[in-house]
PDB file of all heavy atoms in Angstrom:
ATOM      1  N   MET A   1      92.701  86.800 107.462  1.00  0.00           N
ATOM      2  CA  MET A   1      94.120  87.233 107.458  1.00  0.00           C
ATOM      3  C   MET A   1      94.953  86.049 107.126  1.00  0.00           C
ATOM      4  O   MET A   1      94.844  85.035 107.658  1.00  0.00           O
ATOM      5  CB  MET A   1      94.546  87.822 108.854  1.00  0.00           C
ATOM      6  CG  MET A   1      95.949  88.288 108.900  1.00  0.00           C
ATOM      7  SD  MET A   1      96.482  89.090 110.440  1.00  0.00           S
ATOM      8  CE  MET A   1      95.819  90.690 110.229  1.00  0.00           C
ATOM      9  N   ILE A   2      95.883  86.316 106.135  1.00  0.00           N
ATOM     10  CA  ILE A   2      96.742  85.245 105.688  1.00  0.00           C
ATOM     11  C   ILE A   2      98.235  85.741 105.855  1.00  0.00           C
ATOM     12  O   ILE A   2      98.556  86.849 105.484  1.00  0.00           O
ATOM     13  CB  ILE A   2      96.518  84.937 104.197  1.00  0.00           C
ATOM     14  CG1 ILE A   2      95.005  84.576 103.960  1.00  0.00           C
ATOM     15  CG2 ILE A   2      97.327  83.689 103.831  1.00  0.00           C
ATOM     16  CD1 ILE A   2      94.659  84.293 102.506  1.00  0.00           C
ATOM     17  N   GLY A   3      98.979  84.849 106.416  1.00  0.00           N
ATOM     18  CA  GLY A   3     100.453  85.128 106.595  1.00  0.00           C
ATOM     19  C   GLY A   3     101.279  84.221 105.754  1.00  0.00           C
ATOM     20  O   GLY A   3     101.565  84.507 104.619  1.00  0.00           O
ATOM     21  N   ARG A   4     101.683  83.141 106.377  1.00  0.00           N
ATOM     22  CA  ARG A   4     102.701  82.220 105.691  1.00  0.00           C
ATOM     23  C   ARG A   4     102.202  81.699 104.399  1.00  0.00           C
ATOM     24  O   ARG A   4     102.999  81.381 103.495  1.00  0.00           O
ATOM     25  CB  ARG A   4     103.051  81.075 106.662  1.00  0.00           C
ATOM     26  CG  ARG A   4     103.858  81.533 107.849  1.00  0.00           C
ATOM     27  CD  ARG A   4     104.046  80.398 108.911  1.00  0.00           C
ATOM     28  NE  ARG A   4     102.778  80.016 109.445  1.00  0.00           N
ATOM     29  CZ  ARG A   4     102.576  78.879 110.098  1.00  0.00           C
ATOM     30  NH1 ARG A   4     103.527  78.042 110.199  1.00  0.00           N
ATOM     31  NH2 ARG A   4     101.411  78.562 110.655  1.00  0.00           N
ATOM     32  N   GLY A   5     100.884  81.572 104.213  1.00  0.00           N
ATOM     33  CA  GLY A   5     100.314  81.051 102.974  1.00  0.00           C
ATOM     34  C   GLY A   5     100.539  81.951 101.754  1.00  0.00           C
ATOM     35  O   GLY A   5     100.297  81.579 100.651  1.00  0.00           O
ATOM     36  N   LEU A   6     100.992  83.170 102.025  1.00  0.00           N
ATOM     37  CA  LEU A   6     101.255  84.138 100.892  1.00  0.00           C
ATOM     38  C   LEU A   6     102.727  84.223 100.575  1.00  0.00           C
ATOM     39  O   LEU A   6     103.040  84.844  99.487  1.00  0.00           O
ATOM     40  CB  LEU A   6     100.715  85.507 101.263  1.00  0.00           C
ATOM     41  CG  LEU A   6      99.213  85.711 101.478  1.00  0.00           C
ATOM     42  CD1 LEU A   6      98.891  87.173 101.843  1.00  0.00           C
ATOM     43  CD2 LEU A   6      98.479  85.385 100.197  1.00  0.00           C
ATOM     44  N   ILE A   7     103.598  83.670 101.382  1.00  0.00           N
ATOM     45  CA  ILE A   7     104.986  83.717 101.062  1.00  0.00           C
ATOM     46  C   ILE A   7     105.319  82.888  99.838  1.00  0.00           C
ATOM     47  O   ILE A   7     105.070  81.662  99.827  1.00  0.00           O
ATOM     48  CB  ILE A   7     105.828  83.248 102.214  1.00  0.00           C
ATOM     49  CG1 ILE A   7     105.548  84.102 103.438  1.00  0.00           C
ATOM     50  CG2 ILE A   7     107.366  83.284 101.881  1.00  0.00           C
ATOM     51  CD1 ILE A   7     106.331  83.662 104.716  1.00  0.00           C
ATOM     52  N   GLY A   8     105.736  83.511  98.678  1.00  0.00           N
ATOM     53  CA  GLY A   8     105.950  82.847  97.554  1.00  0.00           C
ATOM     54  C   GLY A   8     104.654  82.547  96.749  1.00  0.00           C
ATOM     55  O   GLY A   8     104.671  81.954  95.644  1.00  0.00           O
ATOM     56  N   ASN A   9     103.538  83.024  97.265  1.00  0.00           N
ATOM     57  CA  ASN A   9     102.282  82.728  96.596  1.00  0.00           C
ATOM     58  C   ASN A   9     101.321  83.881  96.802  1.00  0.00           C
ATOM     59  O   ASN A   9     100.118  83.688  97.316  1.00  0.00           O
ATOM     60  CB  ASN A   9     101.653  81.461  97.193  1.00  0.00           C
ATOM     61  CG  ASN A   9     100.426  80.994  96.403  1.00  0.00           C
ATOM     62  OD1 ASN A   9     100.259  81.288  95.243  1.00  0.00           O
ATOM     63  ND2 ASN A   9      99.511  80.360  97.035  1.00  0.00           N
ATOM     64  N   PRO A  10     101.644  85.095  96.338  1.00  0.00           N
ATOM     65  CA  PRO A  10     100.664  86.220  96.384  1.00  0.00           C
ATOM     66  C   PRO A  10      99.512  85.985  95.425  1.00  0.00           C
ATOM     67  O   PRO A  10      98.468  86.701  95.525  1.00  0.00           O
ATOM     68  CB  PRO A  10     101.523  87.431  95.970  1.00  0.00           C
ATOM     69  CG  PRO A  10     102.641  86.847  95.192  1.00  0.00           C
ATOM     70  CD  PRO A  10     102.885  85.519  95.819  1.00  0.00           C
ATOM     71  N   PHE A  11      99.675  85.023  94.590  1.00  0.00           N
ATOM     72  CA  PHE A  11      98.606  84.643  93.625  1.00  0.00           C
ATOM     73  C   PHE A  11      97.292  84.252  94.395  1.00  0.00           C
ATOM     74  O   PHE A  11      96.191  84.370  93.881  1.00  0.00           O
ATOM     75  CB  PHE A  11      98.998  83.470  92.735  1.00  0.00           C
ATOM     76  CG  PHE A  11     100.259  83.727  91.963  1.00  0.00           C
ATOM     77  CD1 PHE A  11     101.432  83.246  92.424  1.00  0.00           C
ATOM     78  CD2 PHE A  11     100.228  84.447  90.763  1.00  0.00           C
ATOM     79  CE1 PHE A  11     102.629  83.493  91.738  1.00  0.00           C
ATOM     80  CE2 PHE A  11     101.368  84.686  90.048  1.00  0.00           C
ATOM     81  CZ  PHE A  11     102.586  84.187  90.519  1.00  0.00           C
ATOM     82  N   LEU A  12      97.463  83.734  95.546  1.00  0.00           N
ATOM     83  CA  LEU A  12      96.309  83.259  96.432  1.00  0.00           C
ATOM     84  C   LEU A  12      95.337  84.412  96.625  1.00  0.00           C
ATOM     85  O   LEU A  12      94.120  84.180  96.634  1.00  0.00           O
ATOM     86  CB  LEU A  12      96.765  82.700  97.758  1.00  0.00           C
ATOM     87  CG  LEU A  12      95.708  82.208  98.718  1.00  0.00           C
ATOM     88  CD1 LEU A  12      94.838  81.113  98.052  1.00  0.00           C
ATOM     89  CD2 LEU A  12      96.397  81.693  99.960  1.00  0.00           C
ATOM     90  N   ILE A  13      95.841  85.643  96.784  1.00  0.00           N
ATOM     91  CA  ILE A  13      94.952  86.772  96.976  1.00  0.00           C
ATOM     92  C   ILE A  13      93.994  86.956  95.766  1.00  0.00           C
ATOM     93  O   ILE A  13      92.777  87.029  95.909  1.00  0.00           O
ATOM     94  CB  ILE A  13      95.688  88.071  97.184  1.00  0.00           C
ATOM     95  CG1 ILE A  13      96.676  87.971  98.388  1.00  0.00           C
ATOM     96  CG2 ILE A  13      94.798  89.234  97.315  1.00  0.00           C
ATOM     97  CD1 ILE A  13      97.649  89.107  98.499  1.00  0.00           C
ATOM     98  N   GLN A  14      94.561  86.894  94.609  1.00  0.00           N
ATOM     99  CA  GLN A  14      93.792  87.049  93.369  1.00  0.00           C
ATOM    100  C   GLN A  14      92.842  85.891  93.159  1.00  0.00           C
ATOM    101  O   GLN A  14      91.654  86.047  92.750  1.00  0.00           O
ATOM    102  CB  GLN A  14      94.772  87.152  92.150  1.00  0.00           C
ATOM    103  CG  GLN A  14      94.041  87.453  90.893  1.00  0.00           C
ATOM    104  CD  GLN A  14      95.022  87.630  89.740  1.00  0.00           C
ATOM    105  OE1 GLN A  14      95.775  86.741  89.428  1.00  0.00           O
ATOM    106  NE2 GLN A  14      95.084  88.839  89.161  1.00  0.00           N
ATOM    107  N   GLU A  15      93.251  84.669  93.495  1.00  0.00           N
ATOM    108  CA  GLU A  15      92.417  83.525  93.462  1.00  0.00           C
ATOM    109  C   GLU A  15      91.187  83.614  94.328  1.00  0.00           C
ATOM    110  O   GLU A  15      90.087  83.308  93.925  1.00  0.00           O
ATOM    111  CB  GLU A  15      93.181  82.231  93.753  1.00  0.00           C
ATOM    112  CG  GLU A  15      94.254  81.931  92.728  1.00  0.00           C
ATOM    113  CD  GLU A  15      95.245  80.815  93.158  1.00  0.00           C
ATOM    114  OE1 GLU A  15      95.190  80.513  94.316  1.00  0.00           O
ATOM    115  OE2 GLU A  15      96.028  80.395  92.304  1.00  0.00           O
ATOM    116  N   ILE A  16      91.353  84.141  95.568  1.00  0.00           N
ATOM    117  CA  ILE A  16      90.291  84.331  96.419  1.00  0.00           C
ATOM    118  C   ILE A  16      89.307  85.374  95.962  1.00  0.00           C
ATOM    119  O   ILE A  16      88.060  85.249  95.950  1.00  0.00           O
ATOM    120  CB  ILE A  16      90.760  84.633  97.896  1.00  0.00           C
ATOM    121  CG1 ILE A  16      91.376  83.391  98.524  1.00  0.00           C
ATOM    122  CG2 ILE A  16      89.610  85.152  98.774  1.00  0.00           C
ATOM    123  CD1 ILE A  16      92.075  83.665  99.818  1.00  0.00           C
ATOM    124  N   ASN A  17      89.834  86.503  95.462  1.00  0.00           N
ATOM    125  CA  ASN A  17      89.087  87.550  94.848  1.00  0.00           C
ATOM    126  C   ASN A  17      88.241  87.036  93.703  1.00  0.00           C
ATOM    127  O   ASN A  17      87.106  87.388  93.483  1.00  0.00           O
ATOM    128  CB  ASN A  17      89.933  88.732  94.492  1.00  0.00           C
ATOM    129  CG  ASN A  17      90.365  89.545  95.615  1.00  0.00           C
ATOM    130  OD1 ASN A  17      89.787  89.499  96.688  1.00  0.00           O
ATOM    131  ND2 ASN A  17      91.448  90.299  95.462  1.00  0.00           N
ATOM    132  N   ASN A  18      88.880  86.181  92.871  1.00  0.00           N
ATOM    133  CA  ASN A  18      88.169  85.590  91.706  1.00  0.00           C
ATOM    134  C   ASN A  18      86.994  84.780  92.177  1.00  0.00           C
ATOM    135  O   ASN A  18      85.919  84.786  91.599  1.00  0.00           O
ATOM    136  CB  ASN A  18      89.117  84.721  90.906  1.00  0.00           C
ATOM    137  CG  ASN A  18      90.104  85.535  90.030  1.00  0.00           C
ATOM    138  OD1 ASN A  18      89.912  86.710  89.829  1.00  0.00           O
ATOM    139  ND2 ASN A  18      91.133  84.884  89.573  1.00  0.00           N
ATOM    140  N   TYR A  19      87.214  84.004  93.240  1.00  0.00           N
ATOM    141  CA  TYR A  19      86.107  83.154  93.764  1.00  0.00           C
ATOM    142  C   TYR A  19      84.942  84.127  94.224  1.00  0.00           C
ATOM    143  O   TYR A  19      83.784  83.877  93.928  1.00  0.00           O
ATOM    144  CB  TYR A  19      86.539  82.337  94.973  1.00  0.00           C
ATOM    145  CG  TYR A  19      85.439  81.769  95.813  1.00  0.00           C
ATOM    146  CD1 TYR A  19      84.749  80.657  95.339  1.00  0.00           C
ATOM    147  CD2 TYR A  19      85.051  82.373  96.950  1.00  0.00           C
ATOM    148  CE1 TYR A  19      83.659  80.131  96.056  1.00  0.00           C
ATOM    149  CE2 TYR A  19      83.946  81.929  97.679  1.00  0.00           C
ATOM    150  CZ  TYR A  19      83.275  80.827  97.198  1.00  0.00           C
ATOM    151  OH  TYR A  19      82.259  80.295  97.916  1.00  0.00           O
ATOM    152  N   VAL A  20      85.287  85.163  94.966  1.00  0.00           N
ATOM    153  CA  VAL A  20      84.304  86.093  95.475  1.00  0.00           C
ATOM    154  C   VAL A  20      83.556  86.704  94.365  1.00  0.00           C
ATOM    155  O   VAL A  20      82.290  86.945  94.436  1.00  0.00           O
ATOM    156  CB  VAL A  20      84.953  87.175  96.397  1.00  0.00           C
ATOM    157  CG1 VAL A  20      83.996  88.277  96.764  1.00  0.00           C
ATOM    158  CG2 VAL A  20      85.544  86.534  97.644  1.00  0.00           C
ATOM    159  N   ASP A  21      84.199  87.050  93.298  1.00  0.00           N
ATOM    160  CA  ASP A  21      83.619  87.736  92.099  1.00  0.00           C
ATOM    161  C   ASP A  21      82.978  86.749  91.166  1.00  0.00           C
ATOM    162  O   ASP A  21      82.455  87.228  90.086  1.00  0.00           O
ATOM    163  CB  ASP A  21      84.663  88.543  91.355  1.00  0.00           C
ATOM    164  CG  ASP A  21      85.269  89.656  92.218  1.00  0.00           C
ATOM    165  OD1 ASP A  21      84.575  90.097  93.156  1.00  0.00           O
ATOM    166  OD2 ASP A  21      86.391  90.151  91.915  1.00  0.00           O
ATOM    167  N   GLY A  22      82.988  85.492  91.454  1.00  0.00           N
ATOM    168  CA  GLY A  22      82.357  84.517  90.576  1.00  0.00           C
ATOM    169  C   GLY A  22      83.169  84.174  89.307  1.00  0.00           C
ATOM    170  O   GLY A  22      82.554  83.692  88.339  1.00  0.00           O
ATOM    171  N   LYS A  23      84.435  84.434  89.342  1.00  0.00           N
ATOM    172  CA  LYS A  23      85.306  84.151  88.191  1.00  0.00           C
ATOM    173  C   LYS A  23      86.003  82.803  88.413  1.00  0.00           C
ATOM    174  O   LYS A  23      86.238  82.385  89.500  1.00  0.00           O
ATOM    175  CB  LYS A  23      86.352  85.280  88.017  1.00  0.00           C
ATOM    176  CG  LYS A  23      85.764  86.637  87.707  1.00  0.00           C
ATOM    177  CD  LYS A  23      86.862  87.643  87.643  1.00  0.00           C
ATOM    178  CE  LYS A  23      86.348  89.050  87.458  1.00  0.00           C
ATOM    179  NZ  LYS A  23      87.383  90.095  87.365  1.00  0.00           N
ATOM    180  N   GLU A  24      86.303  82.194  87.239  1.00  0.00           N
ATOM    181  CA  GLU A  24      86.939  80.834  87.325  1.00  0.00           C
ATOM    182  C   GLU A  24      88.464  81.025  87.602  1.00  0.00           C
ATOM    183  O   GLU A  24      89.118  81.978  87.098  1.00  0.00           O
ATOM    184  CB  GLU A  24      86.746  80.121  85.975  1.00  0.00           C
ATOM    185  CG  GLU A  24      87.221  78.696  86.000  1.00  0.00           C
ATOM    186  CD  GLU A  24      86.830  77.928  84.719  1.00  0.00           C
ATOM    187  OE1 GLU A  24      86.204  78.562  83.897  1.00  0.00           O
ATOM    188  OE2 GLU A  24      87.252  76.748  84.594  1.00  0.00           O
ATOM    189  N   ASN A  25      89.000  80.086  88.415  1.00  0.00           N
ATOM    190  CA  ASN A  25      90.423  80.088  88.688  1.00  0.00           C
ATOM    191  C   ASN A  25      91.106  79.037  87.822  1.00  0.00           C
ATOM    192  O   ASN A  25      90.563  77.895  87.640  1.00  0.00           O
ATOM    193  CB  ASN A  25      90.711  79.806  90.188  1.00  0.00           C
ATOM    194  CG  ASN A  25      90.680  81.054  90.970  1.00  0.00           C
ATOM    195  OD1 ASN A  25      91.265  82.117  90.542  1.00  0.00           O
ATOM    196  ND2 ASN A  25      89.946  81.053  92.070  1.00  0.00           N
ATOM    197  N   PHE A  26      92.332  79.292  87.407  1.00  0.00           N
ATOM    198  CA  PHE A  26      93.116  78.346  86.674  1.00  0.00           C
ATOM    199  C   PHE A  26      94.441  78.208  87.394  1.00  0.00           C
ATOM    200  O   PHE A  26      94.927  79.053  88.152  1.00  0.00           O
ATOM    201  CB  PHE A  26      93.403  78.883  85.252  1.00  0.00           C
ATOM    202  CG  PHE A  26      92.075  79.030  84.483  1.00  0.00           C
ATOM    203  CD1 PHE A  26      91.533  80.299  84.373  1.00  0.00           C
ATOM    204  CD2 PHE A  26      91.516  77.965  83.799  1.00  0.00           C
ATOM    205  CE1 PHE A  26      90.359  80.462  83.654  1.00  0.00           C
ATOM    206  CE2 PHE A  26      90.365  78.122  83.062  1.00  0.00           C
ATOM    207  CZ  PHE A  26      89.744  79.411  83.027  1.00  0.00           C
ATOM    208  N   LYS A  27      95.087  77.022  87.174  1.00  0.00           N
ATOM    209  CA  LYS A  27      96.350  76.798  87.871  1.00  0.00           C
ATOM    210  C   LYS A  27      97.412  77.811  87.363  1.00  0.00           C
ATOM    211  O   LYS A  27      97.541  78.103  86.152  1.00  0.00           O
ATOM    212  CB  LYS A  27      96.868  75.387  87.491  1.00  0.00           C
ATOM    213  CG  LYS A  27      98.139  74.968  88.143  1.00  0.00           C
ATOM    214  CD  LYS A  27      98.540  73.544  87.790  1.00  0.00           C
ATOM    215  CE  LYS A  27      99.817  73.119  88.546  1.00  0.00           C
ATOM    216  NZ  LYS A  27     100.236  71.760  88.191  1.00  0.00           N
ATOM    217  N   VAL A  28      98.118  78.375  88.334  1.00  0.00           N
ATOM    218  CA  VAL A  28      99.085  79.403  87.981  1.00  0.00           C
ATOM    219  C   VAL A  28     100.292  78.740  87.253  1.00  0.00           C
ATOM    220  O   VAL A  28     100.890  77.797  87.787  1.00  0.00           O
ATOM    221  CB  VAL A  28      99.621  80.152  89.250  1.00  0.00           C
ATOM    222  CG1 VAL A  28     100.649  81.160  88.861  1.00  0.00           C
ATOM    223  CG2 VAL A  28      98.570  80.725  90.016  1.00  0.00           C
ATOM    224  N   PRO A  29     100.612  79.165  85.996  1.00  0.00           N
ATOM    225  CA  PRO A  29     101.721  78.585  85.250  1.00  0.00           C
ATOM    226  C   PRO A  29     103.044  78.817  85.983  1.00  0.00           C
ATOM    227  O   PRO A  29     103.250  79.794  86.634  1.00  0.00           O
ATOM    228  CB  PRO A  29     101.713  79.356  83.885  1.00  0.00           C
ATOM    229  CG  PRO A  29     100.367  79.996  83.814  1.00  0.00           C
ATOM    230  CD  PRO A  29      99.919  80.291  85.225  1.00  0.00           C
ATOM    231  N   TYR A  30     103.916  77.793  85.867  1.00  0.00           N
ATOM    232  CA  TYR A  30     105.226  77.969  86.543  1.00  0.00           C
ATOM    233  C   TYR A  30     106.011  79.138  86.017  1.00  0.00           C
ATOM    234  O   TYR A  30     106.753  79.793  86.730  1.00  0.00           O
ATOM    235  CB  TYR A  30     106.031  76.633  86.335  1.00  0.00           C
ATOM    236  CG  TYR A  30     106.319  76.263  84.921  1.00  0.00           C
ATOM    237  CD1 TYR A  30     107.333  76.853  84.155  1.00  0.00           C
ATOM    238  CD2 TYR A  30     105.612  75.225  84.338  1.00  0.00           C
ATOM    239  CE1 TYR A  30     107.569  76.459  82.873  1.00  0.00           C
ATOM    240  CE2 TYR A  30     105.870  74.818  83.009  1.00  0.00           C
ATOM    241  CZ  TYR A  30     106.886  75.449  82.298  1.00  0.00           C
ATOM    242  OH  TYR A  30     107.100  75.016  80.968  1.00  0.00           O
ATOM    243  N   SER A  31     105.784  79.517  84.751  1.00  0.00           N
ATOM    244  CA  SER A  31     106.478  80.671  84.195  1.00  0.00           C
ATOM    245  C   SER A  31     106.100  81.938  84.967  1.00  0.00           C
ATOM    246  O   SER A  31     106.913  82.861  85.185  1.00  0.00           O
ATOM    247  CB  SER A  31     106.193  80.861  82.712  1.00  0.00           C
ATOM    248  OG  SER A  31     104.732  80.911  82.504  1.00  0.00           O
ATOM    249  N   GLU A  32     104.797  82.083  85.348  1.00  0.00           N
ATOM    250  CA  GLU A  32     104.362  83.222  86.135  1.00  0.00           C
ATOM    251  C   GLU A  32     104.987  83.265  87.560  1.00  0.00           C
ATOM    252  O   GLU A  32     105.279  84.293  88.034  1.00  0.00           O
ATOM    253  CB  GLU A  32     102.805  83.210  86.216  1.00  0.00           C
ATOM    254  CG  GLU A  32     102.108  83.702  84.910  1.00  0.00           C
ATOM    255  CD  GLU A  32     100.634  83.911  85.113  1.00  0.00           C
ATOM    256  OE1 GLU A  32     100.238  84.331  86.235  1.00  0.00           O
ATOM    257  OE2 GLU A  32      99.873  83.637  84.211  1.00  0.00           O
ATOM    258  N   LYS A  33     105.098  82.067  88.116  1.00  0.00           N
ATOM    259  CA  LYS A  33     105.677  82.034  89.481  1.00  0.00           C
ATOM    260  C   LYS A  33     107.141  82.533  89.374  1.00  0.00           C
ATOM    261  O   LYS A  33     107.584  83.222  90.321  1.00  0.00           O
ATOM    262  CB  LYS A  33     105.631  80.632  90.020  1.00  0.00           C
ATOM    263  CG  LYS A  33     104.198  80.112  90.293  1.00  0.00           C
ATOM    264  CD  LYS A  33     104.177  78.677  90.902  1.00  0.00           C
ATOM    265  CE  LYS A  33     102.793  78.201  91.168  1.00  0.00           C
ATOM    266  NZ  LYS A  33     102.759  76.863  91.730  1.00  0.00           N
ATOM    267  N   ILE A  34     107.851  82.089  88.371  1.00  0.00           N
ATOM    268  CA  ILE A  34     109.245  82.463  88.233  1.00  0.00           C
ATOM    269  C   ILE A  34     109.328  83.965  87.924  1.00  0.00           C
ATOM    270  O   ILE A  34     110.171  84.646  88.521  1.00  0.00           O
ATOM    271  CB  ILE A  34     109.898  81.675  87.149  1.00  0.00           C
ATOM    272  CG1 ILE A  34     110.129  80.249  87.720  1.00  0.00           C
ATOM    273  CG2 ILE A  34     111.235  82.325  86.681  1.00  0.00           C
ATOM    274  CD1 ILE A  34     110.699  79.212  86.681  1.00  0.00           C
ATOM    275  N   GLU A  35     108.490  84.461  87.104  1.00  0.00           N
ATOM    276  CA  GLU A  35     108.460  85.892  86.786  1.00  0.00           C
ATOM    277  C   GLU A  35     108.146  86.746  88.031  1.00  0.00           C
ATOM    278  O   GLU A  35     108.703  87.820  88.253  1.00  0.00           O
ATOM    279  CB  GLU A  35     107.534  86.245  85.684  1.00  0.00           C
ATOM    280  CG  GLU A  35     107.457  87.695  85.291  1.00  0.00           C
ATOM    281  CD  GLU A  35     108.800  88.284  84.904  1.00  0.00           C
ATOM    282  OE1 GLU A  35     109.621  87.588  84.315  1.00  0.00           O
ATOM    283  OE2 GLU A  35     108.975  89.489  85.084  1.00  0.00           O
ATOM    284  N   MET A  36     107.140  86.276  88.857  1.00  0.00           N
ATOM    285  CA  MET A  36     106.845  86.988  90.041  1.00  0.00           C
ATOM    286  C   MET A  36     107.997  87.002  91.082  1.00  0.00           C
ATOM    287  O   MET A  36     108.126  87.962  91.813  1.00  0.00           O
ATOM    288  CB  MET A  36     105.545  86.371  90.651  1.00  0.00           C
ATOM    289  CG  MET A  36     104.845  87.291  91.673  1.00  0.00           C
ATOM    290  SD  MET A  36     104.552  89.036  91.104  1.00  0.00           S
ATOM    291  CE  MET A  36     103.655  88.675  89.552  1.00  0.00           C
ATOM    292  N   CYS A  37     108.735  85.923  91.151  1.00  0.00           N
ATOM    293  CA  CYS A  37     109.924  85.939  92.007  1.00  0.00           C
ATOM    294  C   CYS A  37     110.864  87.088  91.584  1.00  0.00           C
ATOM    295  O   CYS A  37     111.450  87.727  92.430  1.00  0.00           O
ATOM    296  CB  CYS A  37     110.553  84.596  91.971  1.00  0.00           C
ATOM    297  SG  CYS A  37     112.017  84.436  93.050  1.00  0.00           S
ATOM    298  N   LYS A  38     110.994  87.200  90.262  1.00  0.00           N
ATOM    299  CA  LYS A  38     111.881  88.370  89.774  1.00  0.00           C
ATOM    300  C   LYS A  38     111.303  89.689  90.142  1.00  0.00           C
ATOM    301  O   LYS A  38     112.029  90.614  90.570  1.00  0.00           O
ATOM    302  CB  LYS A  38     112.037  88.217  88.254  1.00  0.00           C
ATOM    303  CG  LYS A  38     112.875  86.953  87.831  1.00  0.00           C
ATOM    304  CD  LYS A  38     112.980  86.978  86.266  1.00  0.00           C
ATOM    305  CE  LYS A  38     113.728  85.774  85.737  1.00  0.00           C
ATOM    306  NZ  LYS A  38     113.881  85.766  84.302  1.00  0.00           N
ATOM    307  N   VAL A  39     110.019  89.805  89.950  1.00  0.00           N
ATOM    308  CA  VAL A  39     109.356  91.114  90.238  1.00  0.00           C
ATOM    309  C   VAL A  39     109.496  91.429  91.738  1.00  0.00           C
ATOM    310  O   VAL A  39     109.860  92.605  92.073  1.00  0.00           O
ATOM    311  CB  VAL A  39     107.884  91.031  89.854  1.00  0.00           C
ATOM    312  CG1 VAL A  39     107.105  92.308  90.404  1.00  0.00           C
ATOM    313  CG2 VAL A  39     107.709  91.004  88.353  1.00  0.00           C
ATOM    314  N   HIS A  40     109.248  90.462  92.564  1.00  0.00           N
ATOM    315  CA  HIS A  40     109.414  90.714  93.978  1.00  0.00           C
ATOM    316  C   HIS A  40     110.818  91.169  94.311  1.00  0.00           C
ATOM    317  O   HIS A  40     111.064  92.086  95.118  1.00  0.00           O
ATOM    318  CB  HIS A  40     109.121  89.374  94.772  1.00  0.00           C
ATOM    319  CG  HIS A  40     109.050  89.449  96.224  1.00  0.00           C
ATOM    320  ND1 HIS A  40     108.592  88.431  97.096  1.00  0.00           N
ATOM    321  CD2 HIS A  40     109.416  90.460  97.141  1.00  0.00           C
ATOM    322  CE1 HIS A  40     108.734  88.810  98.344  1.00  0.00           C
ATOM    323  NE2 HIS A  40     109.216  90.087  98.380  1.00  0.00           N
ATOM    324  N   THR A  41     111.815  90.477  93.741  1.00  0.00           N
ATOM    325  CA  THR A  41     113.192  90.787  93.959  1.00  0.00           C
ATOM    326  C   THR A  41     113.524  92.205  93.564  1.00  0.00           C
ATOM    327  O   THR A  41     114.228  92.941  94.292  1.00  0.00           O
ATOM    328  CB  THR A  41     114.096  89.764  93.279  1.00  0.00           C
ATOM    329  OG1 THR A  41     113.733  88.490  93.658  1.00  0.00           O
ATOM    330  CG2 THR A  41     115.574  90.045  93.657  1.00  0.00           C
ATOM    331  N   ARG A  42     113.049  92.598  92.419  1.00  0.00           N
ATOM    332  CA  ARG A  42     113.369  93.965  91.922  1.00  0.00           C
ATOM    333  C   ARG A  42     112.719  95.065  92.812  1.00  0.00           C
ATOM    334  O   ARG A  42     113.305  96.076  93.060  1.00  0.00           O
ATOM    335  CB  ARG A  42     112.840  94.125  90.429  1.00  0.00           C
ATOM    336  CG  ARG A  42     113.729  93.313  89.439  1.00  0.00           C
ATOM    337  CD  ARG A  42     113.404  93.722  88.023  1.00  0.00           C
ATOM    338  NE  ARG A  42     112.102  93.483  87.573  1.00  0.00           N
ATOM    339  CZ  ARG A  42     111.672  92.393  86.969  1.00  0.00           C
ATOM    340  NH1 ARG A  42     112.547  91.364  86.742  1.00  0.00           N
ATOM    341  NH2 ARG A  42     110.411  92.216  86.598  1.00  0.00           N
ATOM    342  N   LYS A  43     111.513  94.757  93.318  1.00  0.00           N
ATOM    343  CA  LYS A  43     110.893  95.683  94.210  1.00  0.00           C
ATOM    344  C   LYS A  43     111.669  95.823  95.502  1.00  0.00           C
ATOM    345  O   LYS A  43     111.840  96.927  96.069  1.00  0.00           O
ATOM    346  CB  LYS A  43     109.443  95.294  94.482  1.00  0.00           C
ATOM    347  CG  LYS A  43     108.475  95.499  93.333  1.00  0.00           C
ATOM    348  CD  LYS A  43     106.986  95.044  93.791  1.00  0.00           C
ATOM    349  CE  LYS A  43     106.057  95.166  92.646  1.00  0.00           C
ATOM    350  NZ  LYS A  43     105.795  96.616  92.305  1.00  0.00           N
ATOM    351  N   LEU A  44     112.209  94.683  95.958  1.00  0.00           N
ATOM    352  CA  LEU A  44     112.959  94.691  97.194  1.00  0.00           C
ATOM    353  C   LEU A  44     114.300  95.425  97.004  1.00  0.00           C
ATOM    354  O   LEU A  44     114.819  96.151  97.918  1.00  0.00           O
ATOM    355  CB  LEU A  44     113.171  93.274  97.702  1.00  0.00           C
ATOM    356  CG  LEU A  44     113.526  93.022  99.162  1.00  0.00           C
ATOM    357  CD1 LEU A  44     112.572  93.677 100.077  1.00  0.00           C
ATOM    358  CD2 LEU A  44     113.610  91.538  99.466  1.00  0.00           C
ATOM    359  N   ILE A  45     114.893  95.255  95.900  1.00  0.00           N
ATOM    360  CA  ILE A  45     116.109  96.020  95.578  1.00  0.00           C
ATOM    361  C   ILE A  45     115.866  97.473  95.551  1.00  0.00           C
ATOM    362  O   ILE A  45     116.635  98.244  96.071  1.00  0.00           O
ATOM    363  CB  ILE A  45     116.711  95.479  94.236  1.00  0.00           C
ATOM    364  CG1 ILE A  45     117.241  94.097  94.346  1.00  0.00           C
ATOM    365  CG2 ILE A  45     117.814  96.434  93.763  1.00  0.00           C
ATOM    366  CD1 ILE A  45     117.727  93.436  93.094  1.00  0.00           C
TER     367      ILE A  45
END
């Protein structure tokens, strides 16, 4: 179970799933972080 580690970083879920599935992880681009902040905001609105 993850709590505070996901605030601002839901990407961690996908990264863990990639590890479990044997897929390679790459550093999340800052542009994706900024876009996800917008997505989160729109969903909350």
